[in-house]
Amino acid sequence: MDATAGITYVPLQTRSRSRSRNRRWILAISARRTIVFDADTEELIPGPDLLSEKESPALVYVEDKIY
């Protein structure tokens, strides 16, 4: 991602249904790209490229999915 571009960050904490372990994530979305940072493993996970530029991107976490 271009460091000068507007980027939206969303911190999340999730809990697995099969285990009681919490997971911490930081989701980043810019005009055309998404990235997930796993705070537990410190791994950057590339998300899907967006089909069109978003002027005011937003992320929503519902159950086990990110929209």
N, C-alpha and C. Protein backbone atom coordinates (compact mmCIF):
# COMPACT_ATOMS: atom_id res chain seq x y z
N MET A 1 0.83 -1.18 0.00
CA MET A 1 0.00 0.00 0.00
C MET A 1 0.87 1.24 0.00
N ASP A 2 0.40 2.25 -0.68
CA ASP A 2 1.09 3.53 -0.71
C ASP A 2 0.89 4.22 0.64
N ALA A 3 1.98 4.58 1.30
CA ALA A 3 1.90 5.16 2.63
C ALA A 3 1.21 6.52 2.63
N THR A 4 1.12 7.17 1.48
CA THR A 4 0.49 8.49 1.43
C THR A 4 -1.01 8.39 1.16
N ALA A 5 -1.49 7.24 0.77
CA ALA A 5 -2.92 7.06 0.47
C ALA A 5 -3.72 6.99 1.77
N GLY A 6 -4.99 7.37 1.69
CA GLY A 6 -5.86 7.24 2.85
C GLY A 6 -6.11 5.77 3.15
N ILE A 7 -5.85 5.36 4.36
CA ILE A 7 -6.02 3.97 4.75
C ILE A 7 -6.91 3.91 5.98
N THR A 8 -7.86 2.99 5.97
CA THR A 8 -8.71 2.76 7.12
C THR A 8 -8.20 1.53 7.86
N TYR A 9 -8.06 1.64 9.19
CA TYR A 9 -7.60 0.53 10.01
C TYR A 9 -8.71 0.11 10.96
N VAL A 10 -8.91 -1.20 11.10
CA VAL A 10 -9.91 -1.72 12.02
C VAL A 10 -9.26 -2.79 12.89
N PRO A 11 -9.17 -2.56 14.21
CA PRO A 11 -8.65 -3.60 15.09
C PRO A 11 -9.77 -4.57 15.46
N LEU A 12 -9.45 -5.86 15.46
CA LEU A 12 -10.45 -6.88 15.81
C LEU A 12 -9.87 -7.85 16.82
N GLN A 13 -10.72 -8.38 17.65
CA GLN A 13 -10.34 -9.47 18.53
C GLN A 13 -11.41 -10.53 18.36
N THR A 14 -11.01 -11.75 18.01
CA THR A 14 -11.97 -12.81 17.75
C THR A 14 -11.73 -13.97 18.71
N ARG A 15 -12.74 -14.77 18.87
CA ARG A 15 -12.63 -15.96 19.71
C ARG A 15 -13.10 -17.16 18.89
N SER A 16 -12.28 -18.19 18.85
CA SER A 16 -12.63 -19.41 18.13
C SER A 16 -13.71 -20.15 18.88
N ARG A 17 -14.66 -20.71 18.15
CA ARG A 17 -15.72 -21.48 18.81
C ARG A 17 -15.19 -22.80 19.36
N SER A 18 -14.21 -23.38 18.68
CA SER A 18 -13.68 -24.67 19.11
C SER A 18 -12.68 -24.53 20.26
N ARG A 19 -12.10 -23.36 20.44
CA ARG A 19 -11.17 -23.11 21.55
C ARG A 19 -11.47 -21.75 22.14
N SER A 20 -11.03 -21.54 23.33
CA SER A 20 -11.31 -20.27 23.99
C SER A 20 -10.20 -19.27 23.76
N ARG A 21 -9.33 -19.51 22.81
CA ARG A 21 -8.20 -18.62 22.54
C ARG A 21 -8.63 -17.41 21.73
N ASN A 22 -8.29 -16.26 22.20
CA ASN A 22 -8.58 -15.02 21.47
C ASN A 22 -7.52 -14.80 20.41
N ARG A 23 -7.93 -14.23 19.28
CA ARG A 23 -7.01 -13.85 18.21
C ARG A 23 -7.14 -12.35 18.01
N ARG A 24 -6.01 -11.70 17.69
CA ARG A 24 -6.01 -10.25 17.45
C ARG A 24 -5.58 -9.99 16.02
N TRP A 25 -6.32 -9.13 15.35
CA TRP A 25 -6.08 -8.79 13.96
C TRP A 25 -6.15 -7.28 13.78
N ILE A 26 -5.44 -6.77 12.79
CA ILE A 26 -5.62 -5.39 12.34
C ILE A 26 -5.89 -5.48 10.85
N LEU A 27 -7.03 -4.94 10.43
CA LEU A 27 -7.41 -4.94 9.02
C LEU A 27 -7.13 -3.56 8.45
N ALA A 28 -6.53 -3.53 7.28
CA ALA A 28 -6.23 -2.26 6.61
C ALA A 28 -6.84 -2.29 5.22
N ILE A 29 -7.49 -1.18 4.87
CA ILE A 29 -8.07 -1.09 3.53
C ILE A 29 -7.77 0.29 2.97
N SER A 30 -7.29 0.30 1.73
CA SER A 30 -7.05 1.57 1.04
C SER A 30 -8.03 1.65 -0.12
N ALA A 31 -7.79 2.54 -1.04
CA ALA A 31 -8.72 2.73 -2.16
C ALA A 31 -8.88 1.47 -3.00
N ARG A 32 -7.82 0.63 -3.09
CA ARG A 32 -7.90 -0.55 -3.97
C ARG A 32 -7.41 -1.85 -3.36
N ARG A 33 -6.85 -1.83 -2.14
CA ARG A 33 -6.26 -3.05 -1.58
C ARG A 33 -6.70 -3.28 -0.14
N THR A 34 -6.60 -4.54 0.27
CA THR A 34 -6.84 -4.90 1.66
C THR A 34 -5.68 -5.74 2.18
N ILE A 35 -5.38 -5.58 3.47
CA ILE A 35 -4.32 -6.35 4.11
C ILE A 35 -4.78 -6.70 5.52
N VAL A 36 -4.47 -7.92 5.95
CA VAL A 36 -4.77 -8.35 7.31
C VAL A 36 -3.45 -8.57 8.03
N PHE A 37 -3.31 -7.98 9.21
CA PHE A 37 -2.12 -8.20 10.04
C PHE A 37 -2.54 -9.05 11.22
N ASP A 38 -1.94 -10.24 11.34
CA ASP A 38 -2.20 -11.13 12.47
C ASP A 38 -1.27 -10.70 13.60
N ALA A 39 -1.82 -10.08 14.63
CA ALA A 39 -1.00 -9.54 15.72
C ALA A 39 -0.36 -10.63 16.56
N ASP A 40 -0.92 -11.84 16.54
CA ASP A 40 -0.36 -12.94 17.32
C ASP A 40 0.89 -13.52 16.66
N THR A 41 0.85 -13.68 15.34
CA THR A 41 1.99 -14.26 14.62
C THR A 41 2.84 -13.21 13.94
N GLU A 42 2.38 -11.94 13.96
CA GLU A 42 3.03 -10.82 13.28
C GLU A 42 3.19 -11.08 11.78
N GLU A 43 2.20 -11.73 11.19
CA GLU A 43 2.20 -12.06 9.77
C GLU A 43 1.29 -11.10 9.01
N LEU A 44 1.76 -10.61 7.86
CA LEU A 44 0.94 -9.81 6.95
C LEU A 44 0.30 -10.74 5.94
N ILE A 45 -1.00 -10.68 5.83
CA ILE A 45 -1.75 -11.54 4.93
C ILE A 45 -2.42 -10.66 3.89
N PRO A 46 -2.03 -10.77 2.62
CA PRO A 46 -2.68 -9.93 1.61
C PRO A 46 -4.13 -10.34 1.42
N GLY A 47 -5.01 -9.36 1.42
CA GLY A 47 -6.41 -9.61 1.15
C GLY A 47 -6.69 -9.39 -0.32
N PRO A 48 -7.93 -9.49 -0.72
CA PRO A 48 -8.26 -9.30 -2.14
C PRO A 48 -8.12 -7.85 -2.57
N ASP A 49 -7.72 -7.65 -3.82
CA ASP A 49 -7.76 -6.31 -4.40
C ASP A 49 -9.22 -5.96 -4.65
N LEU A 50 -9.56 -4.71 -4.45
CA LEU A 50 -10.93 -4.26 -4.67
C LEU A 50 -11.17 -4.05 -6.15
N LEU A 51 -12.38 -4.32 -6.60
CA LEU A 51 -12.70 -4.22 -8.02
C LEU A 51 -12.76 -2.78 -8.50
N SER A 52 -13.06 -1.86 -7.60
CA SER A 52 -13.09 -0.45 -7.96
C SER A 52 -12.59 0.36 -6.77
N GLU A 53 -12.11 1.58 -7.03
CA GLU A 53 -11.61 2.43 -5.95
C GLU A 53 -12.75 2.84 -5.03
N LYS A 54 -12.43 2.89 -3.74
CA LYS A 54 -13.40 3.30 -2.73
C LYS A 54 -12.97 4.63 -2.14
N GLU A 55 -13.84 5.59 -2.14
CA GLU A 55 -13.51 6.91 -1.59
C GLU A 55 -13.47 6.87 -0.07
N SER A 56 -14.42 6.17 0.55
CA SER A 56 -14.48 6.06 2.01
C SER A 56 -14.66 4.58 2.36
N PRO A 57 -13.58 3.81 2.31
CA PRO A 57 -13.71 2.37 2.54
C PRO A 57 -14.12 2.07 3.99
N ALA A 58 -14.83 0.97 4.16
CA ALA A 58 -15.24 0.53 5.50
C ALA A 58 -15.12 -0.98 5.56
N LEU A 59 -14.81 -1.50 6.74
CA LEU A 59 -14.73 -2.93 6.98
C LEU A 59 -15.72 -3.30 8.06
N VAL A 60 -16.37 -4.45 7.89
CA VAL A 60 -17.32 -4.92 8.88
C VAL A 60 -17.00 -6.38 9.17
N TYR A 61 -16.95 -6.73 10.48
CA TYR A 61 -16.69 -8.09 10.91
C TYR A 61 -17.99 -8.69 11.42
N VAL A 62 -18.46 -9.78 10.81
CA VAL A 62 -19.69 -10.45 11.23
C VAL A 62 -19.38 -11.93 11.38
N GLU A 63 -19.50 -12.44 12.61
CA GLU A 63 -19.16 -13.82 12.95
C GLU A 63 -17.72 -14.09 12.51
N ASP A 64 -17.50 -14.96 11.54
CA ASP A 64 -16.14 -15.31 11.13
C ASP A 64 -15.77 -14.71 9.77
N LYS A 65 -16.51 -13.71 9.30
CA LYS A 65 -16.27 -13.14 7.98
C LYS A 65 -16.02 -11.64 8.08
N ILE A 66 -15.23 -11.16 7.14
CA ILE A 66 -14.93 -9.73 7.07
C ILE A 66 -15.50 -9.22 5.75
N TYR A 67 -16.28 -8.14 5.82
CA TYR A 67 -16.90 -7.56 4.62
C TYR A 67 -16.40 -6.14 4.46
